[in-house]
Amino acid sequence: MGDQSMKFLEQLWQSFLSVVKILLQSKGRTSLPKSFKNADELLILANGPSLNSTVEAHPEFVASKTLLAVNFCVTSPLFESLRPELYLIADPLFWIVPEKRVQLFETMAQKTSWPMTLFMPARALKNRAWQPLLASNPNIRVAIYNTTPIEGFQGFCNVIFRQGWGVPRPHNVLIPSIAMGLRLPFKRVYLAGADHSWLPEISVTDQNVVLMHQKHFYDQNQSQAATVTQENLKSAKLYTILYHMYVAFKSYFVLEAFAQKQGKEVINITPGSYIDAFKRMKL
């Protein structure tokens, strides 16, 4: 059997499995916000260390876009100065680990003094301990989205992404953020702080402990190399970390094909970014 036939059968099997996962995991109806400051252009504020310099050097560009922040952006002074309309989280540790849950949601409830839509994965509804932490703030509107991992034929994936029944395998928060941006009416989705320059930051100790220095714009002067915690709360092995990187970088090409099919653009404005799937632009 030739390579093309094998590829076809593999994609057919992946598409079938994706349908099964949708039936078992996805919520059929998910609501989306309707109006935006700029309905044509979205700027995703990823957590890479370059975000500070981008915001500082190009304030007019940033101010003119609808902004989507992610993960622990709320702990930074940038959150209150930029006042993002949209916020998305994906890491399951936010509703599994109590300390992370309190740090994120209590801070968000205290700081958010403007209308903001918070996108939460459907699976977070299985542990609702985060809800009381946000209940005191009427400015935060929670919107549920599906993180069901979708693979298979690109045309099949495009339909699923458009309906919001799933996303490319979400091994980091940027993947569902881009997928959400492409579901919304924006014609251009810009990426800032999407450094993804993790490879030089990986090391292995003499005790075979894998360490990774994950630098973020809000902690780059205090962060240190540490083990990578998995959803089961165990430390990840090197092959697991590298595999997740492979899946993530591959997912960006799936999203680029999805964007092109819709006549939209994903534009990476991050200096020195390792992501090789999207059009680059220097500000």
C-alpha atoms as a PDB file:
ATOM      1  CA  MET A   1       0.000   0.000   0.000  1.00  0.00           C
ATOM      2  CA  GLY A   2       1.408   3.389  -1.045  1.00  0.00           C
ATOM      3  CA  ASP A   3       2.107   6.373   1.176  1.00  0.00           C
ATOM      4  CA  GLN A   4      -0.936   8.266  -0.153  1.00  0.00           C
ATOM      5  CA  SER A   5      -3.238   5.364   0.644  1.00  0.00           C
ATOM      6  CA  MET A   6      -1.787   5.054   4.134  1.00  0.00           C
ATOM      7  CA  LYS A   7      -2.211   8.779   4.705  1.00  0.00           C
ATOM      8  CA  PHE A   8      -5.828   8.619   3.515  1.00  0.00           C
ATOM      9  CA  LEU A   9      -6.641   5.742   5.849  1.00  0.00           C
ATOM     10  CA  GLU A  10      -4.919   7.465   8.760  1.00  0.00           C
ATOM     11  CA  GLN A  11      -6.901  10.672   8.213  1.00  0.00           C
ATOM     12  CA  LEU A  12     -10.104   8.666   7.793  1.00  0.00           C
ATOM     13  CA  TRP A  13      -9.496   6.926  11.121  1.00  0.00           C
ATOM     14  CA  GLN A  14      -8.607  10.232  12.826  1.00  0.00           C
ATOM     15  CA  SER A  15     -11.787  11.823  11.471  1.00  0.00           C
ATOM     16  CA  PHE A  16     -13.864   8.909  12.780  1.00  0.00           C
ATOM     17  CA  LEU A  17     -12.255   9.152  16.221  1.00  0.00           C
ATOM     18  CA  SER A  18     -12.866  12.905  16.242  1.00  0.00           C
ATOM     19  CA  VAL A  19     -16.578  12.341  15.622  1.00  0.00           C
ATOM     20  CA  VAL A  20     -16.687   9.924  18.559  1.00  0.00           C
ATOM     21  CA  LYS A  21     -14.907  12.452  20.785  1.00  0.00           C
ATOM     22  CA  ILE A  22     -17.337  15.197  19.746  1.00  0.00           C
ATOM     23  CA  LEU A  23     -20.317  13.012  20.658  1.00  0.00           C
ATOM     24  CA  LEU A  24     -18.791  12.157  24.042  1.00  0.00           C
ATOM     25  CA  GLN A  25     -17.130  15.427  25.052  1.00  0.00           C
ATOM     26  CA  SER A  26     -18.448  18.462  23.183  1.00  0.00           C
ATOM     27  CA  LYS A  27     -21.312  20.739  24.103  1.00  0.00           C
ATOM     28  CA  GLY A  28     -23.551  21.351  21.119  1.00  0.00           C
ATOM     29  CA  ARG A  29     -24.312  25.025  21.739  1.00  0.00           C
ATOM     30  CA  THR A  30     -21.723  27.562  22.823  1.00  0.00           C
ATOM     31  CA  SER A  31     -22.430  31.303  22.899  1.00  0.00           C
ATOM     32  CA  LEU A  32     -20.125  33.958  21.466  1.00  0.00           C
ATOM     33  CA  PRO A  33     -19.874  37.720  22.057  1.00  0.00           C
ATOM     34  CA  LYS A  34     -21.481  39.833  19.344  1.00  0.00           C
ATOM     35  CA  SER A  35     -19.833  43.257  19.409  1.00  0.00           C
ATOM     36  CA  PHE A  36     -16.211  44.374  19.633  1.00  0.00           C
ATOM     37  CA  LYS A  37     -14.140  47.541  19.773  1.00  0.00           C
ATOM     38  CA  ASN A  38     -12.576  46.566  16.438  1.00  0.00           C
ATOM     39  CA  ALA A  39     -14.566  43.874  14.622  1.00  0.00           C
ATOM     40  CA  ASP A  40     -11.908  43.408  11.936  1.00  0.00           C
ATOM     41  CA  GLU A  41      -8.673  42.984  13.894  1.00  0.00           C
ATOM     42  CA  LEU A  42      -7.892  40.901  16.961  1.00  0.00           C
ATOM     43  CA  LEU A  43      -4.584  40.982  18.829  1.00  0.00           C
ATOM     44  CA  ILE A  44      -3.864  37.915  20.957  1.00  0.00           C
ATOM     45  CA  LEU A  45      -1.603  38.773  23.881  1.00  0.00           C
ATOM     46  CA  ALA A  46       0.316  35.556  24.426  1.00  0.00           C
ATOM     47  CA  ASN A  47       2.494  35.188  27.517  1.00  0.00           C
ATOM     48  CA  GLY A  48       5.952  35.144  25.929  1.00  0.00           C
ATOM     49  CA  PRO A  49       8.661  37.452  27.315  1.00  0.00           C
ATOM     50  CA  SER A  50       8.653  39.675  24.204  1.00  0.00           C
ATOM     51  CA  LEU A  51       5.140  40.977  24.947  1.00  0.00           C
ATOM     52  CA  ASN A  52       6.374  43.742  27.255  1.00  0.00           C
ATOM     53  CA  SER A  53       8.649  45.257  24.606  1.00  0.00           C
ATOM     54  CA  THR A  54       5.985  44.971  21.891  1.00  0.00           C
ATOM     55  CA  VAL A  55       3.377  46.783  23.985  1.00  0.00           C
ATOM     56  CA  GLU A  56       5.886  49.428  25.075  1.00  0.00           C
ATOM     57  CA  ALA A  57       7.231  50.102  21.573  1.00  0.00           C
ATOM     58  CA  HIS A  58       3.912  50.060  19.700  1.00  0.00           C
ATOM     59  CA  PRO A  59       1.149  51.391  21.969  1.00  0.00           C
ATOM     60  CA  GLU A  60      -0.928  52.832  19.113  1.00  0.00           C
ATOM     61  CA  PHE A  61      -1.013  49.518  17.263  1.00  0.00           C
ATOM     62  CA  VAL A  62      -2.066  47.679  20.418  1.00  0.00           C
ATOM     63  CA  ALA A  63      -4.686  50.265  21.395  1.00  0.00           C
ATOM     64  CA  SER A  64      -6.398  50.082  18.008  1.00  0.00           C
ATOM     65  CA  LYS A  65      -7.170  46.337  18.211  1.00  0.00           C
ATOM     66  CA  THR A  66      -9.623  44.168  20.066  1.00  0.00           C
ATOM     67  CA  LEU A  67      -7.472  42.406  22.671  1.00  0.00           C
ATOM     68  CA  LEU A  68      -7.555  38.808  23.897  1.00  0.00           C
ATOM     69  CA  ALA A  69      -5.466  37.946  26.955  1.00  0.00           C
ATOM     70  CA  VAL A  70      -4.646  34.478  28.271  1.00  0.00           C
ATOM     71  CA  ASN A  71      -3.774  32.557  31.432  1.00  0.00           C
ATOM     72  CA  PHE A  72      -1.960  34.642  34.070  1.00  0.00           C
ATOM     73  CA  CYS A  73      -2.016  37.973  32.218  1.00  0.00           C
ATOM     74  CA  VAL A  74      -4.387  39.175  34.940  1.00  0.00           C
ATOM     75  CA  THR A  75      -1.526  39.132  37.477  1.00  0.00           C
ATOM     76  CA  SER A  76       0.406  41.723  35.441  1.00  0.00           C
ATOM     77  CA  PRO A  77      -0.068  45.531  35.459  1.00  0.00           C
ATOM     78  CA  LEU A  78      -0.649  45.215  31.700  1.00  0.00           C
ATOM     79  CA  PHE A  79      -4.059  43.684  32.374  1.00  0.00           C
ATOM     80  CA  GLU A  80      -5.485  46.852  33.881  1.00  0.00           C
ATOM     81  CA  SER A  81      -3.676  49.197  31.514  1.00  0.00           C
ATOM     82  CA  LEU A  82      -4.748  47.354  28.338  1.00  0.00           C
ATOM     83  CA  ARG A  83      -8.238  46.308  29.556  1.00  0.00           C
ATOM     84  CA  PRO A  84      -8.729  43.336  27.167  1.00  0.00           C
ATOM     85  CA  GLU A  85     -12.272  42.684  25.972  1.00  0.00           C
ATOM     86  CA  LEU A  86     -11.637  38.946  25.745  1.00  0.00           C
ATOM     87  CA  TYR A  87      -9.810  36.483  27.986  1.00  0.00           C
ATOM     88  CA  LEU A  88      -9.229  32.775  27.404  1.00  0.00           C
ATOM     89  CA  ILE A  89      -7.865  30.040  29.628  1.00  0.00           C
ATOM     90  CA  ALA A  90      -7.222  26.406  28.751  1.00  0.00           C
ATOM     91  CA  ASP A  91      -4.838  24.907  31.327  1.00  0.00           C
ATOM     92  CA  PRO A  92      -6.756  22.276  33.367  1.00  0.00           C
ATOM     93  CA  LEU A  93      -4.533  23.034  36.370  1.00  0.00           C
ATOM     94  CA  PHE A  94      -6.595  26.213  36.876  1.00  0.00           C
ATOM     95  CA  TRP A  95      -9.520  24.142  38.133  1.00  0.00           C
ATOM     96  CA  ILE A  96      -7.537  21.156  39.444  1.00  0.00           C
ATOM     97  CA  VAL A  97      -4.974  22.935  41.656  1.00  0.00           C
ATOM     98  CA  PRO A  98      -6.678  25.156  44.289  1.00  0.00           C
ATOM     99  CA  GLU A  99      -3.753  27.597  44.573  1.00  0.00           C
ATOM    100  CA  LYS A 100      -3.748  28.338  40.842  1.00  0.00           C
ATOM    101  CA  ARG A 101      -7.546  28.634  40.814  1.00  0.00           C
ATOM    102  CA  VAL A 102      -7.597  31.189  43.616  1.00  0.00           C
ATOM    103  CA  GLN A 103      -4.663  33.155  42.212  1.00  0.00           C
ATOM    104  CA  LEU A 104      -6.301  33.510  38.800  1.00  0.00           C
ATOM    105  CA  PHE A 105     -10.000  33.951  39.494  1.00  0.00           C
ATOM    106  CA  GLU A 106      -9.802  36.008  42.688  1.00  0.00           C
ATOM    107  CA  THR A 107      -7.380  38.413  41.029  1.00  0.00           C
ATOM    108  CA  MET A 108      -9.603  38.631  37.962  1.00  0.00           C
ATOM    109  CA  ALA A 109     -12.683  39.390  40.056  1.00  0.00           C
ATOM    110  CA  GLN A 110     -10.822  42.124  41.930  1.00  0.00           C
ATOM    111  CA  LYS A 111      -9.238  43.838  38.916  1.00  0.00           C
ATOM    112  CA  THR A 112     -11.831  43.680  36.118  1.00  0.00           C
ATOM    113  CA  SER A 113     -13.691  47.016  36.113  1.00  0.00           C
ATOM    114  CA  TRP A 114     -14.818  46.881  32.455  1.00  0.00           C
ATOM    115  CA  PRO A 115     -16.992  44.440  30.454  1.00  0.00           C
ATOM    116  CA  MET A 116     -14.972  41.333  29.553  1.00  0.00           C
ATOM    117  CA  THR A 117     -15.838  37.923  28.123  1.00  0.00           C
ATOM    118  CA  LEU A 118     -13.980  35.028  29.753  1.00  0.00           C
ATOM    119  CA  PHE A 119     -13.761  31.895  27.608  1.00  0.00           C
ATOM    120  CA  MET A 120     -13.714  28.761  29.761  1.00  0.00           C
ATOM    121  CA  PRO A 121     -13.355  25.161  28.477  1.00  0.00           C
ATOM    122  CA  ALA A 122     -16.477  23.018  28.733  1.00  0.00           C
ATOM    123  CA  ARG A 123     -14.575  20.527  30.872  1.00  0.00           C
ATOM    124  CA  ALA A 124     -14.208  23.191  33.581  1.00  0.00           C
ATOM    125  CA  LEU A 125     -17.923  22.712  34.305  1.00  0.00           C
ATOM    126  CA  LYS A 126     -17.057  19.384  35.926  1.00  0.00           C
ATOM    127  CA  ASN A 127     -15.376  21.291  38.755  1.00  0.00           C
ATOM    128  CA  ARG A 128     -17.271  24.481  39.480  1.00  0.00           C
ATOM    129  CA  ALA A 129     -15.202  25.655  42.439  1.00  0.00           C
ATOM    130  CA  TRP A 130     -14.037  28.610  40.327  1.00  0.00           C
ATOM    131  CA  GLN A 131     -17.542  30.027  39.840  1.00  0.00           C
ATOM    132  CA  PRO A 132     -18.033  31.551  43.305  1.00  0.00           C
ATOM    133  CA  LEU A 133     -14.728  33.386  42.895  1.00  0.00           C
ATOM    134  CA  LEU A 134     -16.138  35.295  39.886  1.00  0.00           C
ATOM    135  CA  ALA A 135     -19.729  35.678  41.062  1.00  0.00           C
ATOM    136  CA  SER A 136     -19.082  38.995  42.781  1.00  0.00           C
ATOM    137  CA  ASN A 137     -18.059  40.767  39.557  1.00  0.00           C
ATOM    138  CA  PRO A 138     -20.885  41.535  37.067  1.00  0.00           C
ATOM    139  CA  ASN A 139     -18.369  42.779  34.465  1.00  0.00           C
ATOM    140  CA  ILE A 140     -17.166  39.240  33.706  1.00  0.00           C
ATOM    141  CA  ARG A 141     -19.299  37.238  31.297  1.00  0.00           C
ATOM    142  CA  VAL A 142     -18.341  33.559  31.056  1.00  0.00           C
ATOM    143  CA  ALA A 143     -18.574  31.881  27.644  1.00  0.00           C
ATOM    144  CA  ILE A 144     -18.013  28.134  27.349  1.00  0.00           C
ATOM    145  CA  TYR A 145     -16.005  26.657  24.474  1.00  0.00           C
ATOM    146  CA  ASN A 146     -15.040  23.103  23.493  1.00  0.00           C
ATOM    147  CA  THR A 147     -11.443  21.880  23.722  1.00  0.00           C
ATOM    148  CA  THR A 148     -12.240  18.496  22.156  1.00  0.00           C
ATOM    149  CA  PRO A 149      -9.076  17.574  20.175  1.00  0.00           C
ATOM    150  CA  ILE A 150      -9.886  17.287  16.469  1.00  0.00           C
ATOM    151  CA  GLU A 151      -7.784  15.575  13.783  1.00  0.00           C
ATOM    152  CA  GLY A 152      -8.462  14.177  10.332  1.00  0.00           C
ATOM    153  CA  PHE A 153      -9.175  15.546   6.861  1.00  0.00           C
ATOM    154  CA  GLN A 154      -8.587  19.305   6.725  1.00  0.00           C
ATOM    155  CA  GLY A 155     -12.015  19.938   5.197  1.00  0.00           C
ATOM    156  CA  PHE A 156     -13.662  17.951   7.979  1.00  0.00           C
ATOM    157  CA  CYS A 157     -11.622  19.822  10.600  1.00  0.00           C
ATOM    158  CA  ASN A 158     -12.601  23.188   9.106  1.00  0.00           C
ATOM    159  CA  VAL A 159     -16.300  22.391   9.530  1.00  0.00           C
ATOM    160  CA  ILE A 160     -15.805  21.310  13.142  1.00  0.00           C
ATOM    161  CA  PHE A 161     -13.707  24.361  14.019  1.00  0.00           C
ATOM    162  CA  ARG A 162     -16.272  26.686  12.440  1.00  0.00           C
ATOM    163  CA  GLN A 163     -19.069  25.133  14.494  1.00  0.00           C
ATOM    164  CA  GLY A 164     -16.991  25.311  17.670  1.00  0.00           C
ATOM    165  CA  TRP A 165     -17.274  21.595  18.425  1.00  0.00           C
ATOM    166  CA  GLY A 166     -13.525  21.226  18.882  1.00  0.00           C
ATOM    167  CA  VAL A 167     -10.062  22.642  18.189  1.00  0.00           C
ATOM    168  CA  PRO A 168      -6.692  21.312  17.013  1.00  0.00           C
ATOM    169  CA  ARG A 169      -5.102  19.376  19.850  1.00  0.00           C
ATOM    170  CA  PRO A 170      -4.855  22.122  22.511  1.00  0.00           C
ATOM    171  CA  HIS A 171      -1.443  21.525  24.044  1.00  0.00           C
ATOM    172  CA  ASN A 172      -1.124  25.221  24.889  1.00  0.00           C
ATOM    173  CA  VAL A 173      -3.473  28.167  25.330  1.00  0.00           C
ATOM    174  CA  LEU A 174      -2.506  29.857  22.060  1.00  0.00           C
ATOM    175  CA  ILE A 175      -4.069  27.081  19.948  1.00  0.00           C
ATOM    176  CA  PRO A 176      -7.656  27.501  21.217  1.00  0.00           C
ATOM    177  CA  SER A 177      -7.126  31.294  21.299  1.00  0.00           C
ATOM    178  CA  ILE A 178      -6.369  31.374  17.567  1.00  0.00           C
ATOM    179  CA  ALA A 179      -9.215  28.949  16.860  1.00  0.00           C
ATOM    180  CA  MET A 180     -11.594  31.201  18.789  1.00  0.00           C
ATOM    181  CA  GLY A 181     -10.318  34.288  16.983  1.00  0.00           C
ATOM    182  CA  LEU A 182     -11.027  32.618  13.642  1.00  0.00           C
ATOM    183  CA  ARG A 183     -14.569  31.699  14.749  1.00  0.00           C
ATOM    184  CA  LEU A 184     -15.306  35.321  15.578  1.00  0.00           C
ATOM    185  CA  PRO A 185     -15.794  37.937  12.799  1.00  0.00           C
ATOM    186  CA  PHE A 186     -12.194  39.200  12.772  1.00  0.00           C
ATOM    187  CA  LYS A 187     -10.491  39.285   9.376  1.00  0.00           C
ATOM    188  CA  ARG A 188      -6.980  39.472  10.830  1.00  0.00           C
ATOM    189  CA  VAL A 189      -5.689  37.807  13.979  1.00  0.00           C
ATOM    190  CA  TYR A 190      -2.342  39.146  15.208  1.00  0.00           C
ATOM    191  CA  LEU A 191      -0.069  37.250  17.611  1.00  0.00           C
ATOM    192  CA  ALA A 192       2.131  39.110  20.100  1.00  0.00           C
ATOM    193  CA  GLY A 193       4.231  37.443  22.773  1.00  0.00           C
ATOM    194  CA  ALA A 194       4.131  34.144  20.875  1.00  0.00           C
ATOM    195  CA  ASP A 195       7.857  33.483  21.364  1.00  0.00           C
ATOM    196  CA  HIS A 196       7.636  29.672  21.750  1.00  0.00           C
ATOM    197  CA  SER A 197      11.429  29.672  22.169  1.00  0.00           C
ATOM    198  CA  TRP A 198      11.463  26.769  24.605  1.00  0.00           C
ATOM    199  CA  LEU A 199      14.011  24.444  23.019  1.00  0.00           C
ATOM    200  CA  PRO A 200      17.134  26.212  24.392  1.00  0.00           C
ATOM    201  CA  GLU A 201      15.432  26.384  27.811  1.00  0.00           C
ATOM    202  CA  ILE A 202      15.268  22.599  28.354  1.00  0.00           C
ATOM    203  CA  SER A 203      17.847  20.779  30.486  1.00  0.00           C
ATOM    204  CA  VAL A 204      18.218  17.384  32.179  1.00  0.00           C
ATOM    205  CA  THR A 205      19.881  17.023  35.579  1.00  0.00           C
ATOM    206  CA  ASP A 206      22.272  14.263  36.645  1.00  0.00           C
ATOM    207  CA  GLN A 207      19.281  12.676  38.364  1.00  0.00           C
ATOM    208  CA  ASN A 208      17.414  12.552  35.008  1.00  0.00           C
ATOM    209  CA  VAL A 209      14.977  15.252  36.058  1.00  0.00           C
ATOM    210  CA  VAL A 210      13.789  17.296  33.068  1.00  0.00           C
ATOM    211  CA  LEU A 211      13.718  21.033  33.706  1.00  0.00           C
ATOM    212  CA  MET A 212      12.260  23.737  31.511  1.00  0.00           C
ATOM    213  CA  HIS A 213      12.619  27.480  31.998  1.00  0.00           C
ATOM    214  CA  GLN A 214       9.252  28.864  30.899  1.00  0.00           C
ATOM    215  CA  LYS A 215       9.663  32.631  30.740  1.00  0.00           C
ATOM    216  CA  HIS A 216       6.558  34.816  30.676  1.00  0.00           C
ATOM    217  CA  PHE A 217       6.204  38.550  30.197  1.00  0.00           C
ATOM    218  CA  TYR A 218       4.911  38.893  33.767  1.00  0.00           C
ATOM    219  CA  ASP A 219       7.662  36.899  35.532  1.00  0.00           C
ATOM    220  CA  GLN A 220      10.708  36.800  33.266  1.00  0.00           C
ATOM    221  CA  ASN A 221      12.955  38.390  35.916  1.00  0.00           C
ATOM    222  CA  GLN A 222      11.857  35.977  38.662  1.00  0.00           C
ATOM    223  CA  SER A 223      11.137  32.732  36.818  1.00  0.00           C
ATOM    224  CA  GLN A 224      13.408  29.715  37.172  1.00  0.00           C
ATOM    225  CA  ALA A 225      13.814  26.356  35.484  1.00  0.00           C
ATOM    226  CA  ALA A 226      11.346  23.819  36.892  1.00  0.00           C
ATOM    227  CA  THR A 227       9.721  20.519  36.079  1.00  0.00           C
ATOM    228  CA  VAL A 228       6.713  20.579  33.755  1.00  0.00           C
ATOM    229  CA  THR A 229       3.574  19.483  35.598  1.00  0.00           C
ATOM    230  CA  GLN A 230       1.143  17.304  33.672  1.00  0.00           C
ATOM    231  CA  GLU A 231      -2.608  17.069  34.202  1.00  0.00           C
ATOM    232  CA  ASN A 232      -2.042  14.057  36.482  1.00  0.00           C
ATOM    233  CA  LEU A 233       0.221  16.379  38.542  1.00  0.00           C
ATOM    234  CA  LYS A 234       3.316  14.290  37.727  1.00  0.00           C
ATOM    235  CA  SER A 235       6.463  15.742  36.162  1.00  0.00           C
ATOM    236  CA  ALA A 236       6.725  15.287  32.409  1.00  0.00           C
ATOM    237  CA  LYS A 237       9.507  13.270  30.779  1.00  0.00           C
ATOM    238  CA  LEU A 238      11.584  14.730  27.963  1.00  0.00           C
ATOM    239  CA  TYR A 239       9.860  12.693  25.247  1.00  0.00           C
ATOM    240  CA  THR A 240       6.475  13.942  26.482  1.00  0.00           C
ATOM    241  CA  ILE A 241       7.580  17.583  26.401  1.00  0.00           C
ATOM    242  CA  LEU A 242       9.052  17.262  22.907  1.00  0.00           C
ATOM    243  CA  TYR A 243       5.977  15.403  21.660  1.00  0.00           C
ATOM    244  CA  HIS A 244       3.675  18.140  22.948  1.00  0.00           C
ATOM    245  CA  MET A 245       5.839  20.703  21.161  1.00  0.00           C
ATOM    246  CA  TYR A 246       5.553  18.691  17.940  1.00  0.00           C
ATOM    247  CA  VAL A 247       1.777  18.541  18.257  1.00  0.00           C
ATOM    248  CA  ALA A 248       1.538  22.273  19.001  1.00  0.00           C
ATOM    249  CA  PHE A 249       3.669  23.415  16.073  1.00  0.00           C
ATOM    250  CA  LYS A 250       1.775  21.043  13.765  1.00  0.00           C
ATOM    251  CA  SER A 251      -1.547  22.439  15.028  1.00  0.00           C
ATOM    252  CA  TYR A 252      -0.534  25.902  13.859  1.00  0.00           C
ATOM    253  CA  PHE A 253      -0.379  24.664  10.256  1.00  0.00           C
ATOM    254  CA  VAL A 254      -3.879  23.210  10.654  1.00  0.00           C
ATOM    255  CA  LEU A 255      -5.081  26.600  11.898  1.00  0.00           C
ATOM    256  CA  GLU A 256      -3.334  28.395   9.041  1.00  0.00           C
ATOM    257  CA  ALA A 257      -5.179  26.189   6.535  1.00  0.00           C
ATOM    258  CA  PHE A 258      -8.442  26.901   8.381  1.00  0.00           C
ATOM    259  CA  ALA A 259      -7.773  30.656   8.224  1.00  0.00           C
ATOM    260  CA  GLN A 260      -7.001  30.570   4.509  1.00  0.00           C
ATOM    261  CA  LYS A 261     -10.201  28.646   3.803  1.00  0.00           C
ATOM    262  CA  GLN A 262     -12.174  31.425   5.476  1.00  0.00           C
ATOM    263  CA  GLY A 263     -10.291  34.196   3.712  1.00  0.00           C
ATOM    264  CA  LYS A 264      -8.704  35.361   6.966  1.00  0.00           C
ATOM    265  CA  GLU A 265      -5.127  35.996   8.087  1.00  0.00           C
ATOM    266  CA  VAL A 266      -3.153  35.000  11.155  1.00  0.00           C
ATOM    267  CA  ILE A 267      -0.181  37.362  11.408  1.00  0.00           C
ATOM    268  CA  ASN A 268       2.699  36.799  13.821  1.00  0.00           C
ATOM    269  CA  ILE A 269       4.217  40.077  15.017  1.00  0.00           C
ATOM    270  CA  THR A 270       6.405  38.402  17.679  1.00  0.00           C
ATOM    271  CA  PRO A 271      10.135  39.136  17.170  1.00  0.00           C
ATOM    272  CA  GLY A 272      12.183  35.931  17.055  1.00  0.00           C
ATOM    273  CA  SER A 273       9.170  33.631  17.314  1.00  0.00           C
ATOM    274  CA  TYR A 274       9.766  29.927  16.655  1.00  0.00           C
ATOM    275  CA  ILE A 275       6.319  29.495  15.065  1.00  0.00           C
ATOM    276  CA  ASP A 276       6.832  28.876  11.358  1.00  0.00           C
ATOM    277  CA  ALA A 277       3.220  28.462  10.183  1.00  0.00           C
ATOM    278  CA  PHE A 278       1.949  32.050   9.945  1.00  0.00           C
ATOM    279  CA  LYS A 279       2.759  35.162   7.989  1.00  0.00           C
ATOM    280  CA  ARG A 280       5.273  37.420   9.759  1.00  0.00           C
ATOM    281  CA  MET A 281       5.067  41.176  10.116  1.00  0.00           C
ATOM    282  CA  LYS A 282       7.535  43.595  11.706  1.00  0.00           C
ATOM    283  CA  LEU A 283       5.915  46.557  13.381  1.00  0.00           C
END
